[in-house]
């Protein structure tokens, strides 16, 4: 009779194979990234990838996650859920992608993962202390409605941590490419084709600005309490990084919108 340890090992092997297949499709087939194998390997060992994100969230909130009820909005394959659980939070995840949600559910202890749209969250009002929304807002169909749902499920005094690429960034964080800020979509597609990258994924993105985001938060009934560095010092572009950094410093633009807001 197989032992529980053997069963856990089989589950871990199955999850690893599913993660490899999922991120191979994403990085190689959807985005056409030449170094896709290295990115897949990072995702397979995502404890090292997600632990710094937990620490970054705790710094942004000004307190540990232990004891908090946290919703990971757009949880993907659940790596952050696992790391946040290990930090002592009670974690729920939601994602619209069926494959990602299934993998996340398989790898988390309490299997608190639901497939749903961010615009219609399947949770009661005031359910969470924290909503973690990272690399999600640019993918939703209706950002304003999503933030209203976030406000609904946050308890009074609860906190939203929001991180999403800025429209004015010099780097496209999905394709991992230098980018002209505010590039029209048709020209972006042409640029991707010139770089021999599949452009279809670009049409799924809706990038916003810090000002637009602040207005949507206020309209949703959320008050911004902290604006963070938004990856300003993340070196990109190799030899042109000094020019990119100068653009950020002179313009005051942050490459990512990174905020904490409260209900």
Protein backbone atom coordinates (compact mmCIF):
# COMPACT_ATOMS: atom_id res chain seq x y z
CA UNK A 1 0.00 0.00 0.00
CA UNK A 2 1.53 3.39 -0.98
CA UNK A 3 2.51 5.60 1.96
CA UNK A 4 1.36 9.16 2.42
CA UNK A 5 4.93 10.27 1.65
CA UNK A 6 4.81 8.40 -1.65
CA UNK A 7 1.46 10.03 -2.42
CA UNK A 8 2.83 13.51 -1.68
CA UNK A 9 5.82 12.82 -3.93
CA UNK A 10 3.53 11.77 -6.77
CA UNK A 11 1.44 14.91 -6.34
CA UNK A 12 4.58 17.08 -6.33
CA UNK A 13 5.84 15.38 -9.50
CA UNK A 14 2.49 15.84 -11.22
CA UNK A 15 2.35 19.52 -10.23
CA UNK A 16 5.90 20.09 -11.50
CA UNK A 17 5.05 18.51 -14.86
CA UNK A 18 1.91 20.63 -15.16
CA UNK A 19 3.84 23.77 -14.21
CA UNK A 20 6.49 22.99 -16.82
CA UNK A 21 3.86 22.48 -19.53
CA UNK A 22 1.92 25.60 -18.53
CA UNK A 23 4.90 27.97 -18.50
CA UNK A 24 6.44 26.44 -21.62
CA UNK A 25 3.24 27.30 -23.48
CA UNK A 26 3.29 30.80 -21.99
CA UNK A 27 6.93 31.82 -22.41
CA UNK A 28 7.78 29.86 -25.58
CA UNK A 29 4.55 29.73 -27.54
CA UNK A 30 2.52 32.77 -26.41
CA UNK A 31 5.35 35.27 -25.90
CA UNK A 32 8.12 33.77 -28.04
CA UNK A 33 10.85 34.59 -25.52
CA UNK A 34 14.23 33.20 -26.68
CA UNK A 35 15.35 32.41 -23.12
CA UNK A 36 12.09 30.70 -22.20
CA UNK A 37 13.74 27.66 -20.62
CA UNK A 38 15.37 29.78 -17.91
CA UNK A 39 12.06 31.47 -17.11
CA UNK A 40 10.32 28.10 -16.86
CA UNK A 41 13.02 26.90 -14.47
CA UNK A 42 12.42 29.95 -12.26
CA UNK A 43 8.73 29.08 -12.10
CA UNK A 44 9.49 25.48 -11.19
CA UNK A 45 11.55 26.69 -8.24
CA UNK A 46 9.19 29.51 -7.36
CA UNK A 47 9.71 29.35 -3.61
CA UNK A 48 12.82 31.45 -4.30
CA UNK A 49 10.79 33.61 -6.70
CA UNK A 50 7.81 34.21 -4.40
CA UNK A 51 9.48 34.60 -0.98
CA UNK A 52 10.82 38.08 -1.87
CA UNK A 53 7.31 39.03 -3.00
CA UNK A 54 5.95 38.09 0.41
CA UNK A 55 8.65 40.21 2.06
CA UNK A 56 7.87 43.10 -0.30
CA UNK A 57 4.17 42.87 0.54
CA UNK A 58 4.87 42.84 4.28
CA UNK A 59 7.04 45.96 3.92
CA UNK A 60 4.31 47.67 1.92
CA UNK A 61 1.66 46.81 4.51
CA UNK A 62 3.93 47.62 7.43
CA UNK A 63 3.14 44.34 9.20
CA UNK A 64 3.57 40.56 8.88
CA UNK A 65 1.03 38.45 7.00
CA UNK A 66 0.58 36.06 9.90
CA UNK A 67 -3.04 35.86 10.97
CA UNK A 68 -4.43 37.80 8.02
CA UNK A 69 -7.11 36.66 5.58
CA UNK A 70 -5.65 37.32 2.13
CA UNK A 71 -7.15 37.09 -1.35
CA UNK A 72 -4.69 36.63 -4.20
CA UNK A 73 -6.57 38.18 -7.11
CA UNK A 74 -5.31 36.62 -10.33
CA UNK A 75 -3.43 33.91 -8.46
CA UNK A 76 -2.09 32.16 -11.56
CA UNK A 77 -0.52 28.81 -10.68
CA UNK A 78 -0.51 29.57 -6.96
CA UNK A 79 3.14 30.11 -6.10
CA UNK A 80 2.38 33.21 -4.06
CA UNK A 81 -0.46 31.39 -2.29
CA UNK A 82 2.00 28.75 -1.09
CA UNK A 83 4.53 31.35 0.09
CA UNK A 84 1.88 33.45 1.87
CA UNK A 85 0.50 30.35 3.61
CA UNK A 86 4.00 29.57 4.83
CA UNK A 87 4.18 33.13 6.18
CA UNK A 88 1.09 32.42 8.29
CA UNK A 89 -1.72 33.97 6.26
CA UNK A 90 -5.04 32.31 5.48
CA UNK A 91 -5.00 32.52 1.69
CA UNK A 92 -7.65 32.28 -0.99
CA UNK A 93 -6.97 32.50 -4.72
CA UNK A 94 -9.06 33.32 -7.75
CA UNK A 95 -8.13 33.15 -11.43
CA UNK A 96 -10.10 33.03 -14.66
CA UNK A 97 -7.65 30.68 -16.40
CA UNK A 98 -8.87 27.12 -15.84
CA UNK A 99 -5.44 25.46 -16.13
CA UNK A 100 -3.76 27.94 -13.79
CA UNK A 101 -6.54 27.68 -11.19
CA UNK A 102 -6.40 23.86 -11.28
CA UNK A 103 -2.63 23.86 -10.72
CA UNK A 104 -2.95 26.39 -7.89
CA UNK A 105 -5.62 24.30 -6.21
CA UNK A 106 -3.51 21.14 -6.47
CA UNK A 107 -0.46 22.69 -4.83
CA UNK A 108 -2.04 24.59 -1.91
CA UNK A 109 -2.77 22.95 1.42
CA UNK A 110 -6.38 24.01 1.86
CA UNK A 111 -7.27 24.15 -1.85
CA UNK A 112 -8.89 27.56 -1.47
CA UNK A 113 -8.75 28.40 -5.16
CA UNK A 114 -11.72 29.34 -7.33
CA UNK A 115 -12.02 29.92 -11.05
CA UNK A 116 -13.83 33.22 -11.50
CA UNK A 117 -13.61 36.63 -13.15
CA UNK A 118 -12.15 39.47 -11.11
CA UNK A 119 -15.24 41.53 -11.96
CA UNK A 120 -17.55 39.07 -10.14
CA UNK A 121 -15.78 37.67 -7.10
CA UNK A 122 -17.51 34.72 -5.41
CA UNK A 123 -17.00 36.02 -1.86
CA UNK A 124 -19.13 37.83 0.69
CA UNK A 125 -18.68 41.47 1.58
CA UNK A 126 -15.89 42.28 4.04
CA UNK A 127 -14.28 38.83 3.69
CA UNK A 128 -10.59 39.79 3.59
CA UNK A 129 -7.97 41.80 5.43
CA UNK A 130 -5.75 42.06 2.36
CA UNK A 131 -6.27 41.79 -1.39
CA UNK A 132 -3.07 41.11 -3.33
CA UNK A 133 -3.43 42.22 -6.95
CA UNK A 134 -0.16 41.82 -8.86
CA UNK A 135 0.11 41.64 -12.67
CA UNK A 136 -3.65 41.25 -12.86
CA UNK A 137 -5.30 44.63 -13.46
CA UNK A 138 -3.83 44.88 -16.97
CA UNK A 139 -5.54 41.60 -17.91
CA UNK A 140 -9.11 42.18 -16.74
CA UNK A 141 -11.97 43.22 -19.02
CA UNK A 142 -13.14 46.04 -16.72
CA UNK A 143 -10.59 47.51 -14.31
CA UNK A 144 -13.08 49.85 -12.62
CA UNK A 145 -15.53 47.07 -11.89
CA UNK A 146 -12.69 44.88 -10.63
CA UNK A 147 -11.65 47.53 -8.12
CA UNK A 148 -15.24 47.94 -6.97
CA UNK A 149 -15.31 44.20 -6.30
CA UNK A 150 -12.06 44.53 -4.37
CA UNK A 151 -13.61 47.25 -2.23
CA UNK A 152 -16.68 45.07 -1.63
CA UNK A 153 -14.73 42.04 -0.36
CA UNK A 154 -12.30 44.06 1.79
CA UNK A 155 -13.26 44.55 5.41
CA UNK A 156 -13.37 48.16 6.70
CA UNK A 157 -9.75 49.18 7.17
CA UNK A 158 -8.57 46.32 4.96
CA UNK A 159 -5.74 46.92 2.50
CA UNK A 160 -5.28 46.45 -1.23
CA UNK A 161 -1.76 45.98 -2.57
CA UNK A 162 -1.81 46.83 -6.27
CA UNK A 163 1.04 46.33 -8.74
CA UNK A 164 0.50 46.70 -12.50
CA UNK A 165 2.67 47.88 -15.40
CA UNK A 166 2.43 51.54 -16.31
CA UNK A 167 1.46 52.64 -19.80
CA UNK A 168 4.48 54.96 -19.65
CA UNK A 169 7.05 52.25 -18.88
CA UNK A 170 10.09 51.71 -21.12
CA UNK A 171 9.87 47.95 -20.60
CA UNK A 172 7.16 45.47 -21.58
CA UNK A 173 7.22 43.14 -18.59
CA UNK A 174 5.38 40.24 -20.23
CA UNK A 175 7.44 40.05 -23.42
CA UNK A 176 10.61 41.11 -21.52
CA UNK A 177 11.42 43.77 -24.11
CA UNK A 178 12.40 47.41 -24.17
CA UNK A 179 9.31 49.41 -25.14
CA UNK A 180 8.41 52.88 -26.35
CA UNK A 181 6.14 54.42 -23.67
CA UNK A 182 2.54 54.80 -24.84
CA UNK A 183 3.18 52.95 -28.09
CA UNK A 184 -0.10 52.60 -30.08
CA UNK A 185 -1.29 49.00 -30.24
CA UNK A 186 -0.94 48.70 -34.03
CA UNK A 187 2.63 49.92 -33.86
CA UNK A 188 3.31 47.63 -30.91
CA UNK A 189 2.19 44.66 -33.00
CA UNK A 190 4.50 45.73 -35.83
CA UNK A 191 7.41 46.10 -33.39
CA UNK A 192 6.79 42.61 -32.00
CA UNK A 193 6.70 41.11 -35.48
CA UNK A 194 9.99 42.84 -36.26
CA UNK A 195 11.42 41.23 -33.13
CA UNK A 196 9.99 37.87 -34.28
CA UNK A 197 7.57 37.69 -31.42
CA UNK A 198 3.89 36.61 -31.66
CA UNK A 199 1.82 39.79 -31.20
CA UNK A 200 -1.59 38.32 -30.26
CA UNK A 201 -0.98 38.54 -26.50
CA UNK A 202 -0.56 42.30 -26.76
CA UNK A 203 -4.24 42.62 -27.63
CA UNK A 204 -5.17 41.11 -24.24
CA UNK A 205 -3.42 43.89 -22.31
CA UNK A 206 -5.01 47.14 -21.11
CA UNK A 207 -2.30 49.26 -19.53
CA UNK A 208 -3.15 52.22 -17.34
CA UNK A 209 -1.40 55.24 -15.85
CA UNK A 210 -0.86 56.14 -12.22
CA UNK A 211 -3.39 58.98 -12.50
CA UNK A 212 -6.04 56.80 -14.09
CA UNK A 213 -5.46 54.14 -11.47
CA UNK A 214 -5.79 56.62 -8.60
CA UNK A 215 -9.08 57.87 -10.04
CA UNK A 216 -10.45 54.34 -10.42
CA UNK A 217 -9.49 53.54 -6.83
CA UNK A 218 -11.27 56.65 -5.56
CA UNK A 219 -14.34 55.86 -7.65
CA UNK A 220 -14.40 52.37 -6.14
CA UNK A 221 -14.41 53.83 -2.62
CA UNK A 222 -10.76 53.07 -1.91
CA UNK A 223 -8.31 55.60 -0.50
CA UNK A 224 -4.65 55.49 -1.56
CA UNK A 225 -2.46 55.47 1.53
CA UNK A 226 0.96 54.73 0.03
CA UNK A 227 2.64 55.04 -3.37
CA UNK A 228 5.70 52.83 -3.67
CA UNK A 229 8.76 52.80 -5.95
CA UNK A 230 7.15 50.76 -8.74
CA UNK A 231 10.39 49.04 -9.85
CA UNK A 232 12.09 52.35 -10.66
CA UNK A 233 15.55 50.91 -9.98
CA UNK A 234 15.01 47.65 -11.87
CA UNK A 235 17.79 47.75 -14.49
CA UNK A 236 16.53 46.89 -17.99
CA UNK A 237 17.89 47.28 -21.49
CA UNK A 238 21.56 46.50 -20.85
CA UNK A 239 23.69 49.36 -22.22
CA UNK A 240 20.70 51.72 -22.60
CA UNK A 241 19.70 51.41 -18.93
CA UNK A 242 21.28 54.80 -18.04
CA UNK A 243 18.99 56.45 -20.60
CA UNK A 244 15.95 54.58 -19.32
CA UNK A 245 16.80 55.55 -15.74
CA UNK A 246 17.24 59.19 -16.75
CA UNK A 247 13.81 59.14 -18.41
CA UNK A 248 12.20 57.88 -15.20
CA UNK A 249 14.02 60.44 -13.06
CA UNK A 250 13.28 63.41 -15.29
CA UNK A 251 9.65 62.51 -16.03
CA UNK A 252 8.78 61.25 -12.55
CA UNK A 253 7.27 58.15 -14.16
CA UNK A 254 7.47 54.83 -12.36
CA UNK A 255 7.66 51.76 -14.63
CA UNK A 256 5.02 50.04 -12.53
CA UNK A 257 2.06 51.38 -10.60
CA UNK A 258 2.58 50.16 -7.05
CA UNK A 259 0.13 51.37 -4.41
CA UNK A 260 -1.48 50.45 -1.13
CA UNK A 261 -5.10 51.53 -0.71
CA UNK A 262 -7.65 51.06 2.04
CA UNK A 263 -11.39 50.78 2.23
